[in-house]
Amino acid sequence: MRMMTALRQHLPEYLMEAWGLGTFMVVAGVVCTLLFSPHYLLSNFAANPWMQRTLMGLGMGLTAMGITYSPWGKQSGAHINPAVSLAFYRLGKIQYWDMVFYIVFQLIGGLIGVLIVALLLKQAFIDSPVQYIVTVPGAAGVVVAFIGEFTIAAMMMGMVLYSTNHPKLAPLTPVFSACLITSFVIFESPLSGFSMNPARTVASALPAGVWTAIWLYFVAPIAGMLTAAQVYLAIRGKHNIFCAKLYHHPHYRCIHCGWKLGKRVKGKE
């Protein structure tokens, strides 16, 4: 009963989460193909690995920022990542069925985004070196990739919790997120391929059929974000965590804290 009630009342937010990760994957696929596929001249122009990763990082960071600042991102909270949703569930800021459906729709949206790029760019996106932008451990191996994924996930969630719970910093959380994503792509992606997001990895692995060390792209991001959440909870306490949104705008309803058109719904305090 609660499952169907949640689905009926909060379906718009679930669809927005699907759109958010789907959009992220479309942009990631297009940018990666333009930068790395030999079918496009940009791969020759930006042949330097540092330049490639910098441009890729900027594309991903700006896309994530745009999604979070968008009207739909403001309404759903722009998790677009199962690890984020699970961390906020651990903090008691998102209801169980909302968390479940957020993750389900993130997975669906990410997969649709990858399939759209495959349909549009065909072999340039499907074939190596792009290969559906799959995430696999770098030359340093699985252990280093795990440490990298765990670290960047913990850093991201730590930043989100610190920023969103400081009134002056909260509106800038998407900017801080964009800066971190850009930095992670530049410096960490050679270690793990930069996932930080189980749904993002599955969206690429499923059509590509590449499941190399898939476990670490589930365990490391989730463990990293849950660790950051637990540390913040121990330091600040549950009542000093405002909401599960990455950017809480007063003009958009919030299914997490009950904010609706400038008023908090009774029972959601």
C-alpha atoms as a PDB file:
ATOM      1  CA  MET A   1       0.000   0.000   0.000  1.00  0.00           C
ATOM      2  CA  ARG A   2       2.750   2.444   0.921  1.00  0.00           C
ATOM      3  CA  MET A   3       4.600   1.477  -2.244  1.00  0.00           C
ATOM      4  CA  MET A   4       1.646   2.336  -4.488  1.00  0.00           C
ATOM      5  CA  THR A   5       0.938   5.541  -2.559  1.00  0.00           C
ATOM      6  CA  ALA A   6       4.523   6.665  -2.994  1.00  0.00           C
ATOM      7  CA  LEU A   7       4.465   5.793  -6.694  1.00  0.00           C
ATOM      8  CA  ARG A   8       1.208   7.630  -7.258  1.00  0.00           C
ATOM      9  CA  GLN A   9       2.088  10.760  -5.290  1.00  0.00           C
ATOM     10  CA  HIS A  10       5.790  11.083  -6.118  1.00  0.00           C
ATOM     11  CA  LEU A  11       6.000   9.755  -9.679  1.00  0.00           C
ATOM     12  CA  PRO A  12       7.002  13.188 -11.057  1.00  0.00           C
ATOM     13  CA  GLU A  13      10.110  13.219  -8.859  1.00  0.00           C
ATOM     14  CA  TYR A  14      11.006   9.657  -9.866  1.00  0.00           C
ATOM     15  CA  LEU A  15      10.736  10.562 -13.551  1.00  0.00           C
ATOM     16  CA  MET A  16      12.874  13.643 -12.933  1.00  0.00           C
ATOM     17  CA  GLU A  17      15.591  11.438 -11.442  1.00  0.00           C
ATOM     18  CA  ALA A  18      15.461   9.249 -14.562  1.00  0.00           C
ATOM     19  CA  TRP A  19      15.696  12.339 -16.755  1.00  0.00           C
ATOM     20  CA  GLY A  20      18.600  13.680 -14.705  1.00  0.00           C
ATOM     21  CA  LEU A  21      20.875  10.656 -15.012  1.00  0.00           C
ATOM     22  CA  GLY A  22      19.710  10.039 -18.569  1.00  0.00           C
ATOM     23  CA  THR A  23      20.755  13.572 -19.507  1.00  0.00           C
ATOM     24  CA  PHE A  24      24.074  13.151 -17.740  1.00  0.00           C
ATOM     25  CA  MET A  25      24.774   9.933 -19.663  1.00  0.00           C
ATOM     26  CA  VAL A  26      23.814  11.472 -23.000  1.00  0.00           C
ATOM     27  CA  VAL A  27      26.208  14.373 -22.511  1.00  0.00           C
ATOM     28  CA  ALA A  28      28.930  12.073 -21.151  1.00  0.00           C
ATOM     29  CA  GLY A  29      28.556   9.755 -24.138  1.00  0.00           C
ATOM     30  CA  VAL A  30      28.621  12.533 -26.716  1.00  0.00           C
ATOM     31  CA  VAL A  31      31.561  14.388 -25.166  1.00  0.00           C
ATOM     32  CA  CYS A  32      33.567  11.200 -24.660  1.00  0.00           C
ATOM     33  CA  THR A  33      32.950  10.124 -28.247  1.00  0.00           C
ATOM     34  CA  LEU A  34      33.991  13.495 -29.658  1.00  0.00           C
ATOM     35  CA  LEU A  35      37.162  13.501 -27.552  1.00  0.00           C
ATOM     36  CA  PHE A  36      38.292   9.894 -27.840  1.00  0.00           C
ATOM     37  CA  SER A  37      36.809   8.311 -30.965  1.00  0.00           C
ATOM     38  CA  PRO A  38      39.064   8.349 -34.057  1.00  0.00           C
ATOM     39  CA  HIS A  39      35.919   9.003 -36.101  1.00  0.00           C
ATOM     40  CA  TYR A  40      35.981  12.653 -35.005  1.00  0.00           C
ATOM     41  CA  LEU A  41      38.588  15.338 -35.608  1.00  0.00           C
ATOM     42  CA  LEU A  42      38.342  16.615 -32.032  1.00  0.00           C
ATOM     43  CA  SER A  43      40.199  13.500 -30.883  1.00  0.00           C
ATOM     44  CA  ASN A  44      43.205  14.683 -32.908  1.00  0.00           C
ATOM     45  CA  PHE A  45      42.907  18.304 -31.827  1.00  0.00           C
ATOM     46  CA  ALA A  46      42.777  17.358 -28.131  1.00  0.00           C
ATOM     47  CA  ALA A  47      45.173  14.425 -28.270  1.00  0.00           C
ATOM     48  CA  ASN A  48      46.925  15.247 -25.013  1.00  0.00           C
ATOM     49  CA  PRO A  49      45.490  13.027 -22.219  1.00  0.00           C
ATOM     50  CA  TRP A  50      45.427  15.930 -19.757  1.00  0.00           C
ATOM     51  CA  MET A  51      43.521  18.107 -22.215  1.00  0.00           C
ATOM     52  CA  GLN A  52      41.108  15.283 -22.958  1.00  0.00           C
ATOM     53  CA  ARG A  53      40.376  14.691 -19.291  1.00  0.00           C
ATOM     54  CA  THR A  54      40.089  18.419 -18.589  1.00  0.00           C
ATOM     55  CA  LEU A  55      37.532  18.913 -21.357  1.00  0.00           C
ATOM     56  CA  MET A  56      35.696  15.774 -20.297  1.00  0.00           C
ATOM     57  CA  GLY A  57      35.683  16.910 -16.674  1.00  0.00           C
ATOM     58  CA  LEU A  58      34.370  20.344 -17.563  1.00  0.00           C
ATOM     59  CA  GLY A  59      31.619  18.800 -19.656  1.00  0.00           C
ATOM     60  CA  MET A  60      30.550  16.478 -16.852  1.00  0.00           C
ATOM     61  CA  GLY A  61      30.850  19.063 -14.107  1.00  0.00           C
ATOM     62  CA  LEU A  62      28.855  21.690 -15.966  1.00  0.00           C
ATOM     63  CA  THR A  63      26.223  19.127 -16.915  1.00  0.00           C
ATOM     64  CA  ALA A  64      25.773  18.017 -13.309  1.00  0.00           C
ATOM     65  CA  MET A  65      25.517  21.654 -12.213  1.00  0.00           C
ATOM     66  CA  GLY A  66      22.938  22.392 -14.896  1.00  0.00           C
ATOM     67  CA  ILE A  67      20.833  19.387 -13.901  1.00  0.00           C
ATOM     68  CA  THR A  68      20.858  20.398 -10.228  1.00  0.00           C
ATOM     69  CA  TYR A  69      19.959  24.026 -10.971  1.00  0.00           C
ATOM     70  CA  SER A  70      17.265  23.053 -13.482  1.00  0.00           C
ATOM     71  CA  PRO A  71      13.586  23.204 -12.441  1.00  0.00           C
ATOM     72  CA  TRP A  72      13.361  19.407 -12.364  1.00  0.00           C
ATOM     73  CA  GLY A  73      16.600  19.119 -10.422  1.00  0.00           C
ATOM     74  CA  LYS A  74      15.301  21.594  -7.874  1.00  0.00           C
ATOM     75  CA  GLN A  75      12.161  19.518  -7.421  1.00  0.00           C
ATOM     76  CA  SER A  76      13.617  16.010  -7.191  1.00  0.00           C
ATOM     77  CA  GLY A  77      16.797  17.070  -5.426  1.00  0.00           C
ATOM     78  CA  ALA A  78      19.024  15.821  -8.266  1.00  0.00           C
ATOM     79  CA  HIS A  79      20.438  12.752  -6.560  1.00  0.00           C
ATOM     80  CA  ILE A  80      20.853  10.938  -9.912  1.00  0.00           C
ATOM     81  CA  ASN A  81      22.993   8.419  -8.019  1.00  0.00           C
ATOM     82  CA  PRO A  82      21.890   5.408  -5.916  1.00  0.00           C
ATOM     83  CA  ALA A  83      24.758   5.996  -3.484  1.00  0.00           C
ATOM     84  CA  VAL A  84      23.455   9.510  -2.756  1.00  0.00           C
ATOM     85  CA  SER A  85      19.916   8.243  -2.208  1.00  0.00           C
ATOM     86  CA  LEU A  86      21.134   5.463   0.093  1.00  0.00           C
ATOM     87  CA  ALA A  87      23.222   7.928   2.118  1.00  0.00           C
ATOM     88  CA  PHE A  88      20.256  10.240   2.644  1.00  0.00           C
ATOM     89  CA  TYR A  89      18.124   7.234   3.584  1.00  0.00           C
ATOM     90  CA  ARG A  90      20.704   6.343   6.229  1.00  0.00           C
ATOM     91  CA  LEU A  91      20.410   9.908   7.510  1.00  0.00           C
ATOM     92  CA  GLY A  92      16.619   9.581   7.725  1.00  0.00           C
ATOM     93  CA  LYS A  93      15.995  12.280   5.120  1.00  0.00           C
ATOM     94  CA  ILE A  94      14.293  10.184   2.449  1.00  0.00           C
ATOM     95  CA  GLN A  95      11.513   7.640   2.882  1.00  0.00           C
ATOM     96  CA  TYR A  96      12.114   3.984   2.089  1.00  0.00           C
ATOM     97  CA  TRP A  97       9.932   3.694  -1.014  1.00  0.00           C
ATOM     98  CA  ASP A  98      11.137   7.042  -2.324  1.00  0.00           C
ATOM     99  CA  MET A  99      14.690   5.746  -1.994  1.00  0.00           C
ATOM    100  CA  VAL A 100      13.777   2.498  -3.772  1.00  0.00           C
ATOM    101  CA  PHE A 101      12.022   4.216  -6.655  1.00  0.00           C
ATOM    102  CA  TYR A 102      14.738   6.856  -6.972  1.00  0.00           C
ATOM    103  CA  ILE A 103      17.278   4.071  -7.505  1.00  0.00           C
ATOM    104  CA  VAL A 104      15.043   2.147  -9.925  1.00  0.00           C
ATOM    105  CA  PHE A 105      14.361   5.216 -12.047  1.00  0.00           C
ATOM    106  CA  GLN A 106      18.012   6.306 -11.937  1.00  0.00           C
ATOM    107  CA  LEU A 107      18.960   2.917 -13.385  1.00  0.00           C
ATOM    108  CA  ILE A 108      16.281   3.170 -16.076  1.00  0.00           C
ATOM    109  CA  GLY A 109      17.171   6.744 -16.971  1.00  0.00           C
ATOM    110  CA  GLY A 110      20.887   6.043 -17.185  1.00  0.00           C
ATOM    111  CA  LEU A 111      20.348   3.051 -19.474  1.00  0.00           C
ATOM    112  CA  ILE A 112      17.998   5.003 -21.747  1.00  0.00           C
ATOM    113  CA  GLY A 113      20.577   7.783 -21.989  1.00  0.00           C
ATOM    114  CA  VAL A 114      23.299   5.353 -23.087  1.00  0.00           C
ATOM    115  CA  LEU A 115      21.008   3.698 -25.633  1.00  0.00           C
ATOM    116  CA  ILE A 116      20.092   7.088 -27.092  1.00  0.00           C
ATOM    117  CA  VAL A 117      23.756   7.913 -27.662  1.00  0.00           C
ATOM    118  CA  ALA A 118      24.342   4.470 -29.198  1.00  0.00           C
ATOM    119  CA  LEU A 119      21.424   5.069 -31.565  1.00  0.00           C
ATOM    120  CA  LEU A 120      22.716   8.510 -32.573  1.00  0.00           C
ATOM    121  CA  LEU A 121      26.489   7.971 -32.773  1.00  0.00           C
ATOM    122  CA  LYS A 122      26.496   4.251 -33.583  1.00  0.00           C
ATOM    123  CA  GLN A 123      29.913   2.596 -33.930  1.00  0.00           C
ATOM    124  CA  ALA A 124      31.867   5.664 -32.862  1.00  0.00           C
ATOM    125  CA  PHE A 125      30.256   5.296 -29.431  1.00  0.00           C
ATOM    126  CA  ILE A 126      29.889   1.520 -29.380  1.00  0.00           C
ATOM    127  CA  ASP A 127      33.404   0.519 -30.449  1.00  0.00           C
ATOM    128  CA  SER A 128      36.660   0.877 -28.529  1.00  0.00           C
ATOM    129  CA  PRO A 129      38.079   3.148 -27.197  1.00  0.00           C
ATOM    130  CA  VAL A 130      34.737   4.697 -26.154  1.00  0.00           C
ATOM    131  CA  GLN A 131      32.817   1.391 -25.837  1.00  0.00           C
ATOM    132  CA  TYR A 132      29.631   2.725 -24.255  1.00  0.00           C
ATOM    133  CA  ILE A 133      31.816   4.742 -21.797  1.00  0.00           C
ATOM    134  CA  VAL A 134      32.234   1.687 -19.573  1.00  0.00           C
ATOM    135  CA  THR A 135      34.099   2.071 -16.297  1.00  0.00           C
ATOM    136  CA  VAL A 136      36.930  -0.379 -15.665  1.00  0.00           C
ATOM    137  CA  PRO A 137      39.912  -0.264 -13.285  1.00  0.00           C
ATOM    138  CA  GLY A 138      43.013   1.498 -14.574  1.00  0.00           C
ATOM    139  CA  ALA A 139      46.498   0.095 -14.989  1.00  0.00           C
ATOM    140  CA  ALA A 140      47.161   0.347 -11.249  1.00  0.00           C
ATOM    141  CA  GLY A 141      44.635  -2.398 -10.568  1.00  0.00           C
ATOM    142  CA  VAL A 142      41.437  -3.146  -8.684  1.00  0.00           C
ATOM    143  CA  VAL A 143      42.636  -2.187  -5.194  1.00  0.00           C
ATOM    144  CA  VAL A 144      43.755   1.273  -6.293  1.00  0.00           C
ATOM    145  CA  ALA A 145      40.508   1.714  -8.244  1.00  0.00           C
ATOM    146  CA  PHE A 146      38.522   0.783  -5.142  1.00  0.00           C
ATOM    147  CA  ILE A 147      40.423   3.288  -3.001  1.00  0.00           C
ATOM    148  CA  GLY A 148      39.896   5.959  -5.655  1.00  0.00           C
ATOM    149  CA  GLU A 149      36.157   5.359  -5.924  1.00  0.00           C
ATOM    150  CA  PHE A 150      35.714   5.217  -2.163  1.00  0.00           C
ATOM    151  CA  THR A 151      37.670   8.441  -1.669  1.00  0.00           C
ATOM    152  CA  ILE A 152      35.890  10.546  -4.270  1.00  0.00           C
ATOM    153  CA  ALA A 153      32.479   9.298  -3.096  1.00  0.00           C
ATOM    154  CA  ALA A 154      33.263  10.201   0.507  1.00  0.00           C
ATOM    155  CA  MET A 155      34.567  13.617  -0.541  1.00  0.00           C
ATOM    156  CA  MET A 156      31.465  14.351  -2.604  1.00  0.00           C
ATOM    157  CA  MET A 157      28.977  13.373   0.101  1.00  0.00           C
ATOM    158  CA  GLY A 158      31.007  15.179   2.754  1.00  0.00           C
ATOM    159  CA  MET A 159      30.914  18.345   0.674  1.00  0.00           C
ATOM    160  CA  VAL A 160      27.182  18.004  -0.018  1.00  0.00           C
ATOM    161  CA  LEU A 161      26.327  17.597   3.656  1.00  0.00           C
ATOM    162  CA  TYR A 162      28.560  20.431   4.782  1.00  0.00           C
ATOM    163  CA  SER A 163      27.400  22.826   2.083  1.00  0.00           C
ATOM    164  CA  THR A 164      23.660  22.112   2.051  1.00  0.00           C
ATOM    165  CA  ASN A 165      23.442  22.578   5.808  1.00  0.00           C
ATOM    166  CA  HIS A 166      25.047  26.034   5.808  1.00  0.00           C
ATOM    167  CA  PRO A 167      22.537  28.647   4.591  1.00  0.00           C
ATOM    168  CA  LYS A 168      25.135  30.860   2.900  1.00  0.00           C
ATOM    169  CA  LEU A 169      26.781  27.946   1.094  1.00  0.00           C
ATOM    170  CA  ALA A 170      23.685  25.903   0.224  1.00  0.00           C
ATOM    171  CA  PRO A 171      22.846  27.742  -3.046  1.00  0.00           C
ATOM    172  CA  LEU A 172      26.418  27.102  -4.227  1.00  0.00           C
ATOM    173  CA  THR A 173      26.347  23.353  -3.652  1.00  0.00           C
ATOM    174  CA  PRO A 174      25.898  22.591  -7.395  1.00  0.00           C
ATOM    175  CA  VAL A 175      28.929  24.768  -8.165  1.00  0.00           C
ATOM    176  CA  PHE A 176      31.048  22.957  -5.598  1.00  0.00           C
ATOM    177  CA  SER A 177      29.811  19.641  -7.005  1.00  0.00           C
ATOM    178  CA  ALA A 178      30.808  20.693 -10.513  1.00  0.00           C
ATOM    179  CA  CYS A 179      34.293  21.641  -9.333  1.00  0.00           C
ATOM    180  CA  LEU A 180      34.746  18.278  -7.612  1.00  0.00           C
ATOM    181  CA  ILE A 181      33.492  16.299 -10.610  1.00  0.00           C
ATOM    182  CA  THR A 182      35.840  18.166 -12.922  1.00  0.00           C
ATOM    183  CA  SER A 183      38.761  17.506 -10.589  1.00  0.00           C
ATOM    184  CA  PHE A 184      37.842  13.845 -10.197  1.00  0.00           C
ATOM    185  CA  VAL A 185      37.723  13.285 -13.953  1.00  0.00           C
ATOM    186  CA  ILE A 186      41.107  14.956 -14.409  1.00  0.00           C
ATOM    187  CA  PHE A 187      42.957  13.306 -11.545  1.00  0.00           C
ATOM    188  CA  GLU A 188      41.047  10.171 -10.485  1.00  0.00           C
ATOM    189  CA  SER A 189      39.627   8.781 -13.721  1.00  0.00           C
ATOM    190  CA  PRO A 190      42.924   7.089 -14.722  1.00  0.00           C
ATOM    191  CA  LEU A 191      42.562   4.959 -11.583  1.00  0.00           C
ATOM    192  CA  SER A 192      38.967   3.732 -11.898  1.00  0.00           C
ATOM    193  CA  GLY A 193      37.424   5.319 -14.969  1.00  0.00           C
ATOM    194  CA  PHE A 194      35.481   7.652 -12.649  1.00  0.00           C
ATOM    195  CA  SER A 195      32.086   6.259 -11.793  1.00  0.00           C
ATOM    196  CA  MET A 196      31.122   7.242  -8.227  1.00  0.00           C
ATOM    197  CA  ASN A 197      27.687   6.056  -9.302  1.00  0.00           C
ATOM    198  CA  PRO A 198      26.482   2.430  -9.520  1.00  0.00           C
ATOM    199  CA  ALA A 199      23.639   3.334 -11.906  1.00  0.00           C
ATOM    200  CA  ARG A 200      26.052   5.129 -14.220  1.00  0.00           C
ATOM    201  CA  THR A 201      28.277   2.027 -14.374  1.00  0.00           C
ATOM    202  CA  VAL A 202      25.383  -0.397 -14.947  1.00  0.00           C
ATOM    203  CA  ALA A 203      23.970   1.842 -17.694  1.00  0.00           C
ATOM    204  CA  SER A 204      27.203   1.393 -19.652  1.00  0.00           C
ATOM    205  CA  ALA A 205      28.036  -2.183 -18.650  1.00  0.00           C
ATOM    206  CA  LEU A 206      24.663  -3.647 -19.641  1.00  0.00           C
ATOM    207  CA  PRO A 207      24.699  -2.824 -23.387  1.00  0.00           C
ATOM    208  CA  ALA A 208      28.484  -3.221 -23.610  1.00  0.00           C
ATOM    209  CA  GLY A 209      28.506  -6.580 -21.849  1.00  0.00           C
ATOM    210  CA  VAL A 210      31.580  -5.501 -19.899  1.00  0.00           C
ATOM    211  CA  TRP A 211      31.342  -6.345 -16.197  1.00  0.00           C
ATOM    212  CA  THR A 212      34.990  -6.065 -15.181  1.00  0.00           C
ATOM    213  CA  ALA A 213      35.256  -5.691 -11.381  1.00  0.00           C
ATOM    214  CA  ILE A 214      31.620  -4.586 -11.344  1.00  0.00           C
ATOM    215  CA  TRP A 215      31.401  -5.202  -7.599  1.00  0.00           C
ATOM    216  CA  LEU A 216      33.768  -2.348  -6.776  1.00  0.00           C
ATOM    217  CA  TYR A 217      31.559   0.177  -8.605  1.00  0.00           C
ATOM    218  CA  PHE A 218      28.745  -0.804  -6.259  1.00  0.00           C
ATOM    219  CA  VAL A 219      30.640  -1.283  -3.018  1.00  0.00           C
ATOM    220  CA  ALA A 220      33.126   1.600  -3.145  1.00  0.00           C
ATOM    221  CA  PRO A 221      30.761   4.519  -3.981  1.00  0.00           C
ATOM    222  CA  ILE A 222      28.070   3.315  -1.580  1.00  0.00           C
ATOM    223  CA  ALA A 223      30.575   2.647   1.206  1.00  0.00           C
ATOM    224  CA  GLY A 224      32.261   5.998   0.640  1.00  0.00           C
ATOM    225  CA  MET A 225      29.060   8.011   0.804  1.00  0.00           C
ATOM    226  CA  LEU A 226      27.681   6.050   3.741  1.00  0.00           C
ATOM    227  CA  THR A 227      30.942   6.600   5.600  1.00  0.00           C
ATOM    228  CA  ALA A 228      30.793  10.340   4.988  1.00  0.00           C
ATOM    229  CA  ALA A 229      27.151  10.368   6.103  1.00  0.00           C
ATOM    230  CA  GLN A 230      27.975   8.441   9.262  1.00  0.00           C
ATOM    231  CA  VAL A 231      30.856  10.764  10.136  1.00  0.00           C
ATOM    232  CA  TYR A 232      28.691  13.845   9.582  1.00  0.00           C
ATOM    233  CA  LEU A 233      25.897  12.282  11.622  1.00  0.00           C
ATOM    234  CA  ALA A 234      28.286  11.594  14.497  1.00  0.00           C
ATOM    235  CA  ILE A 235      29.673  15.138  14.443  1.00  0.00           C
ATOM    236  CA  ARG A 236      26.575  17.219  13.750  1.00  0.00           C
ATOM    237  CA  GLY A 237      23.638  14.989  14.639  1.00  0.00           C
ATOM    238  CA  LYS A 238      20.505  14.083  12.675  1.00  0.00           C
ATOM    239  CA  HIS A 239      18.620  17.272  13.548  1.00  0.00           C
ATOM    240  CA  ASN A 240      21.293  19.453  11.951  1.00  0.00           C
ATOM    241  CA  ILE A 241      20.684  17.902   8.526  1.00  0.00           C
ATOM    242  CA  PHE A 242      18.093  19.956   6.700  1.00  0.00           C
ATOM    243  CA  CYS A 243      16.972  18.026   3.642  1.00  0.00           C
ATOM    244  CA  ALA A 244      17.864  15.370   1.062  1.00  0.00           C
ATOM    245  CA  LYS A 245      17.975  17.829  -1.829  1.00  0.00           C
ATOM    246  CA  LEU A 246      21.271  19.001  -3.282  1.00  0.00           C
ATOM    247  CA  TYR A 247      19.658  22.382  -3.869  1.00  0.00           C
ATOM    248  CA  HIS A 248      16.558  23.218  -1.854  1.00  0.00           C
ATOM    249  CA  HIS A 249      14.613  25.973  -3.618  1.00  0.00           C
ATOM    250  CA  PRO A 250      11.512  27.366  -1.831  1.00  0.00           C
ATOM    251  CA  HIS A 251       9.473  27.562  -5.035  1.00  0.00           C
ATOM    252  CA  TYR A 252       9.491  23.787  -5.572  1.00  0.00           C
ATOM    253  CA  ARG A 253       7.744  21.147  -3.505  1.00  0.00           C
ATOM    254  CA  CYS A 254       9.899  18.748  -1.538  1.00  0.00           C
ATOM    255  CA  ILE A 255       8.775  15.169  -0.972  1.00  0.00           C
ATOM    256  CA  HIS A 256      11.630  14.703   1.503  1.00  0.00           C
ATOM    257  CA  CYS A 257      11.079  17.411   4.103  1.00  0.00           C
ATOM    258  CA  GLY A 258       7.497  18.325   3.217  1.00  0.00           C
ATOM    259  CA  TRP A 259       8.188  21.796   1.834  1.00  0.00           C
ATOM    260  CA  LYS A 260       5.395  22.904  -0.463  1.00  0.00           C
ATOM    261  CA  LEU A 261       5.091  26.390  -1.932  1.00  0.00           C
ATOM    262  CA  GLY A 262       6.906  28.055   0.936  1.00  0.00           C
ATOM    263  CA  LYS A 263       5.258  26.037   3.725  1.00  0.00           C
ATOM    264  CA  ARG A 264       6.332  22.884   5.500  1.00  0.00           C
ATOM    265  CA  VAL A 265       3.619  20.249   5.532  1.00  0.00           C
ATOM    266  CA  LYS A 266       2.498  19.207   9.000  1.00  0.00           C
ATOM    267  CA  GLY A 267       4.085  15.950  10.092  1.00  0.00           C
ATOM    268  CA  LYS A 268       7.239  16.496   8.023  1.00  0.00           C
ATOM    269  CA  GLU A 269       9.101  18.702  10.475  1.00  0.00           C
END
